[in-house]
Protein backbone atom coordinates (compact mmCIF):
# COMPACT_ATOMS: atom_id res chain seq x y z
CA THR A 1 3.45 6.40 -9.20
CA SER A 2 1.24 6.30 -6.01
CA LEU A 3 -0.02 3.80 -3.78
CA ARG A 4 -3.41 4.08 -2.28
CA VAL A 5 -5.58 2.03 0.07
CA TRP A 6 -8.67 2.49 1.95
CA ALA A 7 -8.33 1.66 5.59
CA PRO A 8 -10.51 3.81 7.66
CA THR A 9 -9.66 2.30 10.98
CA ALA A 10 -5.85 1.94 10.59
CA GLY A 11 -3.46 3.74 12.75
CA ARG A 12 -0.65 2.95 10.61
CA VAL A 13 -0.27 1.72 6.76
CA THR A 14 2.80 0.62 4.98
CA ALA A 15 3.60 -1.22 1.73
CA GLU A 16 6.22 -3.94 1.24
CA LEU A 17 8.05 -3.35 -2.08
CA GLY A 18 10.77 -5.71 -3.13
CA GLY A 19 12.00 -6.19 0.55
CA ASP A 20 11.58 -2.37 1.30
CA GLU A 21 8.97 -0.95 3.58
CA VAL A 22 7.22 2.37 2.57
CA GLU A 23 5.27 4.39 4.95
CA LEU A 24 1.64 5.57 3.68
CA ALA A 25 0.26 8.74 4.99
CA PRO A 26 -3.20 9.52 5.65
CA ALA A 27 -4.93 11.34 2.56
CA GLN A 28 -8.28 13.01 1.92
CA PRO A 29 -11.11 11.82 1.82
CA ALA A 30 -10.94 10.30 5.30
CA GLY A 31 -9.89 6.59 5.33
CA TRP A 32 -7.56 6.79 2.38
CA TRP A 33 -3.64 6.23 2.74
CA GLU A 34 -1.29 7.07 0.09
CA ALA A 35 2.38 7.09 -0.65
CA PHE A 36 4.47 8.46 -3.70
CA THR A 37 6.45 5.53 -4.85
CA PRO A 38 8.74 6.37 -7.86
CA GLY A 39 9.99 3.34 -9.83
CA ILE A 40 7.07 1.03 -9.09
CA GLY A 41 5.34 -0.07 -12.20
CA HIS A 42 3.18 -2.62 -13.86
CA GLY A 43 4.17 -6.22 -12.64
CA ASP A 44 6.02 -5.09 -9.40
CA ASP A 45 5.09 -7.10 -6.46
CA TYR A 46 3.83 -5.02 -3.35
CA ALA A 47 1.52 -5.76 -0.28
CA PHE A 48 0.02 -3.48 2.30
CA ARG A 49 0.33 -4.07 5.99
CA ILE A 50 -2.30 -2.52 8.27
CA ASP A 51 -1.14 -1.74 11.89
CA GLY A 52 1.81 -4.13 11.57
CA GLY A 53 -0.43 -7.07 10.57
CA GLU A 54 0.04 -9.67 7.74
CA ALA A 55 1.07 -8.37 4.48
CA ARG A 56 -1.90 -8.34 2.09
CA PRO A 57 -2.42 -7.90 -1.58
CA ASP A 58 -3.77 -4.62 -2.88
CA PRO A 59 -7.59 -5.02 -2.97
CA ARG A 60 -7.92 -2.93 -6.19
CA SER A 61 -5.06 -4.37 -8.22
CA GLN A 62 -5.93 -6.16 -11.30
CA TRP A 63 -3.02 -8.35 -11.33
CA GLN A 64 -0.34 -9.40 -8.46
CA PRO A 65 2.58 -11.86 -9.37
CA HIS A 66 1.91 -13.81 -6.24
C-alpha cells in the first residue's frame, strides 16, 4: 500500500501510523509526496504532518476512525 498526499510547498512530509512515523518522499508530478507502507489497510488510523506541523487526516480518505 502507498500513502500519497499533495503538498506542493512542503519541505518535509511524514505520516503517523499507530505511533510510528514514516517519511514520505517527493514524487512526480511535482507537489506529490509518497511512501510505500506495507501492512497498512482499510480502517487503519493515520495522519500526515507537513513540515512538522499538527497531524492532519488524509484529505482524500473516504473514512478515518477519528
